[in-house]
Amino acid sequence: MRCFRPQVAEPVRHPHDRGRAGYPDKLEALKKAWDEEARANLALPIDDRTASELLTLERPSAEPARERYVYDPDTAPVPEGVAVNIRNRSYKILANVDIRDADAGGVIFAHRSRFGGHALFIKDHKLHYVYNFLGIKPEQKFVSTETLKPGKYTLGMEFTRTGAGSHKESLGTLKLYVNDKVVAQGPMKTQAAKFTLSGDGLCVGYDSGDAVSAEYKTPGTFHGGTIQAVGITVEKASYEDLEMEARRALIAD
């Protein structure tokens, strides 16, 4: 009886394998050429940091570090690179608002876009705060339990960071305020890196680009009242202390 040895197919090789194994001189020449071009075009050293590490890197600034920022309404958008940094920390937003019309509404504060950002606004006579986490639905949305009538208010929110998740996102609790009263609260998470590489900046009184929330359409210009200013703080002072300070400014105005 004859024995037949089964034929075994040779492994499929990538065409480039032949170049690496069969043309060592050419390979070394290509490596040398690549290195020369990389140096000539300032591509070295090669940066192996992750996107998150690059996006969270603080840029050099001539302005001293601070923990309080005040933004005026109806100004040009503030680029994220020089706006207040709320990443990986607790933060508070306070806005002095004078509501003169029962149908007042619109954006009080907005930063970035539908792909990631947050906004404080009035809709249907109620205060809303939305944190849009990477554009993932549903939105993290908080709505006041009471309606806003004409009058002077300090409106705001407070995020208290309590820890980090598996992807280094910040975890914590959100409280929504009308004056010194908590009108909504619940768990919330925030992004570890910047909202986007480019695009919409920080705005007060309107939203300059893609709406942060599906609850309004851009520009969502605030109407039916005036916004004195919006303050954002990343310091450890309690919301109540900052709210009293903002109220004094509103009364003085």
Protein backbone atom coordinates (compact mmCIF):
# COMPACT_ATOMS: atom_id res chain seq x y z
CA MET A 1 0.00 0.00 0.00
CA ARG A 2 1.35 3.39 -0.97
CA CYS A 3 1.30 6.13 1.60
CA PHE A 4 0.42 9.61 0.55
CA ARG A 5 1.75 12.55 2.52
CA PRO A 6 -0.78 15.35 2.61
CA GLN A 7 0.43 18.56 1.06
CA VAL A 8 0.69 21.46 3.47
CA ALA A 9 0.17 24.90 2.03
CA GLU A 10 2.96 27.36 2.66
CA PRO A 11 2.03 30.25 4.94
CA VAL A 12 0.86 33.35 3.16
CA ARG A 13 3.47 36.08 3.49
CA HIS A 14 2.96 39.77 3.23
CA PRO A 15 4.73 41.24 0.16
CA HIS A 16 6.72 43.52 2.48
CA ASP A 17 8.17 40.49 4.28
CA ARG A 18 10.24 39.67 1.21
CA GLY A 19 11.70 43.17 1.27
CA ARG A 20 12.63 42.93 4.92
CA ALA A 21 14.25 39.51 4.54
CA GLY A 22 15.61 39.74 1.00
CA TYR A 23 16.82 43.31 0.76
CA PRO A 24 18.53 44.23 4.04
CA ASP A 25 20.57 47.00 2.37
CA LYS A 26 17.43 48.62 0.95
CA LEU A 27 15.73 48.35 4.36
CA GLU A 28 18.62 50.14 6.08
CA ALA A 29 18.63 52.83 3.37
CA LEU A 30 14.89 53.44 3.86
CA LYS A 31 15.31 53.62 7.63
CA LYS A 32 18.10 56.15 7.23
CA ALA A 33 16.05 58.21 4.78
CA TRP A 34 13.05 58.22 7.14
CA ASP A 35 15.23 59.34 10.05
CA GLU A 36 16.75 62.17 7.98
CA GLU A 37 13.34 63.40 6.84
CA ALA A 38 11.92 63.19 10.38
CA ARG A 39 14.76 65.32 11.73
CA ALA A 40 14.51 67.80 8.85
CA ASN A 41 10.76 68.23 9.49
CA LEU A 42 11.10 68.43 13.30
CA ALA A 43 9.14 65.21 13.84
CA LEU A 44 11.48 63.96 16.55
CA PRO A 45 11.22 62.95 19.27
CA ILE A 46 8.17 60.83 18.52
CA ASP A 47 5.47 61.54 21.12
CA ASP A 48 3.90 58.36 22.49
CA ARG A 49 1.49 60.07 24.88
CA THR A 50 -2.18 59.15 24.63
CA ALA A 51 -4.79 61.53 23.23
CA SER A 52 -6.17 62.07 26.73
CA GLU A 53 -2.73 63.01 28.04
CA LEU A 54 -2.18 65.47 25.20
CA LEU A 55 -5.61 67.06 25.55
CA THR A 56 -5.29 67.59 29.30
CA LEU A 57 -1.82 69.13 29.08
CA GLU A 58 -1.85 72.68 30.39
CA ARG A 59 -0.38 75.19 27.97
CA PRO A 60 2.12 77.80 29.18
CA SER A 61 0.42 81.06 30.06
CA ALA A 62 1.57 84.50 31.12
CA GLU A 63 -1.57 84.76 33.24
CA PRO A 64 -1.17 83.51 36.84
CA ALA A 65 -3.21 80.49 37.89
CA ARG A 66 -6.53 81.33 39.53
CA GLU A 67 -9.64 79.63 40.82
CA ARG A 68 -12.33 82.20 39.97
CA TYR A 69 -13.42 83.41 36.55
CA VAL A 70 -16.07 86.01 35.65
CA TYR A 71 -17.50 86.18 32.12
CA ASP A 72 -19.62 88.98 30.67
CA PRO A 73 -22.59 88.37 28.35
CA ASP A 74 -22.60 88.78 24.57
CA THR A 75 -18.84 88.69 24.07
CA ALA A 76 -16.84 86.59 21.61
CA PRO A 77 -16.50 82.87 22.49
CA VAL A 78 -13.58 82.11 24.80
CA PRO A 79 -11.40 79.26 23.41
CA GLU A 80 -11.23 76.21 25.65
CA GLY A 81 -7.45 76.44 25.90
CA VAL A 82 -7.72 79.69 27.88
CA ALA A 83 -11.14 79.21 29.51
CA VAL A 84 -11.72 77.94 33.03
CA ASN A 85 -10.57 74.33 33.42
CA ILE A 86 -13.19 72.16 35.17
CA ARG A 87 -11.64 68.81 34.24
CA ASN A 88 -11.14 66.27 37.04
CA ARG A 89 -12.29 68.63 39.76
CA SER A 90 -15.29 70.05 41.57
CA TYR A 91 -16.70 73.28 40.16
CA LYS A 92 -19.51 75.80 40.55
CA ILE A 93 -21.30 78.10 38.10
CA LEU A 94 -23.25 81.15 39.32
CA ALA A 95 -25.16 83.64 37.17
CA ASN A 96 -26.80 86.88 38.26
CA VAL A 97 -29.94 87.15 36.16
CA ASP A 98 -32.69 89.78 36.12
CA ILE A 99 -35.86 88.23 34.64
CA ARG A 100 -38.24 90.96 33.44
CA ASP A 101 -40.59 89.00 31.20
CA ALA A 102 -42.69 86.01 32.22
CA ASP A 103 -41.64 84.29 28.98
CA ALA A 104 -37.91 84.84 29.50
CA GLY A 105 -35.63 82.04 28.37
CA GLY A 106 -32.53 81.02 26.48
CA VAL A 107 -28.90 80.21 27.13
CA ILE A 108 -27.24 81.67 30.20
CA PHE A 109 -23.96 79.79 29.79
CA ALA A 110 -22.73 77.31 27.18
CA HIS A 111 -19.38 75.68 26.54
CA ARG A 112 -18.58 73.46 23.53
CA SER A 113 -21.06 71.42 21.49
CA ARG A 114 -23.29 68.38 21.01
CA PHE A 115 -20.16 66.19 20.94
CA GLY A 116 -19.33 67.16 24.51
CA GLY A 117 -19.99 70.21 26.66
CA HIS A 118 -22.27 71.72 29.27
CA ALA A 119 -24.87 74.47 29.41
CA LEU A 120 -27.05 76.37 31.86
CA PHE A 121 -30.27 77.74 30.38
CA ILE A 122 -33.92 78.60 30.99
CA LYS A 123 -36.66 76.77 29.13
CA ASP A 124 -40.40 76.62 29.84
CA HIS A 125 -39.91 78.94 32.84
CA LYS A 126 -37.53 76.47 34.50
CA LEU A 127 -33.79 76.37 35.04
CA HIS A 128 -31.94 73.59 33.20
CA TYR A 129 -28.38 72.31 33.41
CA VAL A 130 -27.10 69.75 30.90
CA TYR A 131 -23.72 68.04 30.91
CA ASN A 132 -23.22 66.38 27.53
CA PHE A 133 -20.74 63.53 28.10
CA LEU A 134 -19.01 62.86 24.74
CA GLY A 135 -22.33 63.25 22.94
CA ILE A 136 -23.62 60.01 24.50
CA LYS A 137 -27.39 59.81 24.89
CA PRO A 138 -29.30 60.32 27.05
CA GLU A 139 -27.98 63.66 28.16
CA GLN A 140 -27.23 64.23 31.82
CA LYS A 141 -30.05 66.70 32.44
CA PHE A 142 -31.22 68.48 35.59
CA VAL A 143 -34.37 70.64 35.68
CA SER A 144 -35.63 72.86 38.49
CA THR A 145 -38.75 71.79 40.33
CA GLU A 146 -40.11 75.34 40.45
CA THR A 147 -40.87 77.96 37.83
CA LEU A 148 -39.01 81.25 37.50
CA LYS A 149 -41.13 84.39 37.77
CA PRO A 150 -39.93 87.93 36.98
CA GLY A 151 -37.34 89.08 39.49
CA LYS A 152 -33.63 89.10 40.29
CA TYR A 153 -31.97 85.72 40.83
CA THR A 154 -28.66 84.06 41.39
CA LEU A 155 -28.93 80.85 39.36
CA GLY A 156 -26.32 78.14 39.31
CA MET A 157 -25.04 74.65 39.86
CA GLU A 158 -22.44 72.82 41.90
CA PHE A 159 -20.61 69.60 40.97
CA THR A 160 -18.86 67.85 43.84
CA ARG A 161 -16.32 65.28 42.65
CA THR A 162 -16.21 62.15 44.81
CA GLY A 163 -14.00 59.81 42.75
CA ALA A 164 -13.04 58.47 39.35
CA GLY A 165 -14.48 55.79 37.09
CA SER A 166 -12.78 53.01 35.17
CA HIS A 167 -11.97 55.37 32.28
CA LYS A 168 -10.71 58.17 34.58
CA GLU A 169 -13.95 60.11 34.21
CA SER A 170 -14.91 62.13 37.29
CA LEU A 171 -17.86 60.87 39.33
CA GLY A 172 -19.83 62.98 41.76
CA THR A 173 -23.05 64.76 42.65
CA LEU A 174 -24.74 67.67 40.90
CA LYS A 175 -26.90 70.25 42.69
CA LEU A 176 -28.94 72.85 40.79
CA TYR A 177 -29.69 76.10 42.62
CA VAL A 178 -32.18 78.95 42.44
CA ASN A 179 -30.76 81.50 44.87
CA ASP A 180 -29.81 79.42 47.91
CA LYS A 181 -32.38 76.66 47.31
CA VAL A 182 -31.51 73.27 45.79
CA VAL A 183 -34.09 72.68 43.04
CA ALA A 184 -32.64 69.47 41.51
CA GLN A 185 -29.82 67.06 42.28
CA GLY A 186 -28.40 63.69 41.33
CA PRO A 187 -25.31 61.73 40.27
CA MET A 188 -23.24 62.98 37.35
CA LYS A 189 -19.97 62.22 35.55
CA THR A 190 -17.63 64.56 33.70
CA GLN A 191 -15.02 64.04 30.97
CA ALA A 192 -11.37 63.52 31.84
CA ALA A 193 -10.11 65.31 28.72
CA LYS A 194 -11.11 68.46 26.85
CA PHE A 195 -14.49 68.60 25.20
CA THR A 196 -13.18 68.93 21.62
CA LEU A 197 -10.01 69.73 19.71
CA SER A 198 -11.45 72.85 18.12
CA GLY A 199 -14.70 74.67 17.60
CA ASP A 200 -17.18 76.30 19.95
CA GLY A 201 -15.81 78.27 22.86
CA LEU A 202 -17.28 79.40 26.17
CA CYS A 203 -20.27 81.74 25.68
CA VAL A 204 -22.56 83.76 27.94
CA GLY A 205 -26.05 84.70 26.75
CA TYR A 206 -25.97 82.49 23.65
CA ASP A 207 -24.42 79.35 22.11
CA SER A 208 -22.01 80.06 19.25
CA GLY A 209 -22.15 76.74 17.36
CA ASP A 210 -23.68 73.29 17.70
CA ALA A 211 -26.11 73.30 20.62
CA VAL A 212 -24.75 71.55 23.71
CA SER A 213 -28.22 70.15 24.39
CA ALA A 214 -31.07 68.96 22.22
CA GLU A 215 -33.32 71.01 24.50
CA TYR A 216 -32.62 74.22 22.56
CA LYS A 217 -31.49 75.38 19.12
CA THR A 218 -28.53 77.64 18.49
CA PRO A 219 -27.89 80.42 19.06
CA GLY A 220 -30.51 80.17 21.83
CA THR A 221 -29.99 83.85 22.65
CA PHE A 222 -31.17 84.82 26.12
CA HIS A 223 -34.29 87.00 26.03
CA GLY A 224 -36.78 88.55 28.42
CA GLY A 225 -34.19 89.81 30.86
CA THR A 226 -30.53 90.56 31.39
CA ILE A 227 -27.51 88.57 32.54
CA GLN A 228 -25.22 90.62 34.77
CA ALA A 229 -22.34 88.12 34.62
CA VAL A 230 -21.49 84.45 35.01
CA GLY A 231 -18.94 83.35 37.58
CA ILE A 232 -17.21 79.97 37.53
CA THR A 233 -15.06 78.74 40.37
CA VAL A 234 -12.97 75.63 40.95
CA GLU A 235 -12.01 76.61 44.49
CA LYS A 236 -13.20 74.85 47.64
CA ALA A 237 -15.40 77.65 48.99
CA SER A 238 -18.97 76.48 49.59
CA TYR A 239 -21.66 77.32 47.08
CA GLU A 240 -23.64 79.16 49.76
CA ASP A 241 -20.77 81.57 50.46
CA LEU A 242 -20.30 82.31 46.77
CA GLU A 243 -24.05 82.67 46.27
CA MET A 244 -24.24 85.32 48.99
CA GLU A 245 -21.36 87.17 47.37
CA ALA A 246 -23.12 87.05 43.99
CA ARG A 247 -26.41 88.21 45.53
CA ARG A 248 -24.70 91.26 47.04
CA ALA A 249 -23.34 92.14 43.60
CA LEU A 250 -26.81 91.76 42.06
CA ILE A 251 -28.41 94.00 44.70
CA ALA A 252 -25.70 96.62 44.27
CA ASP A 253 -26.32 96.65 40.55
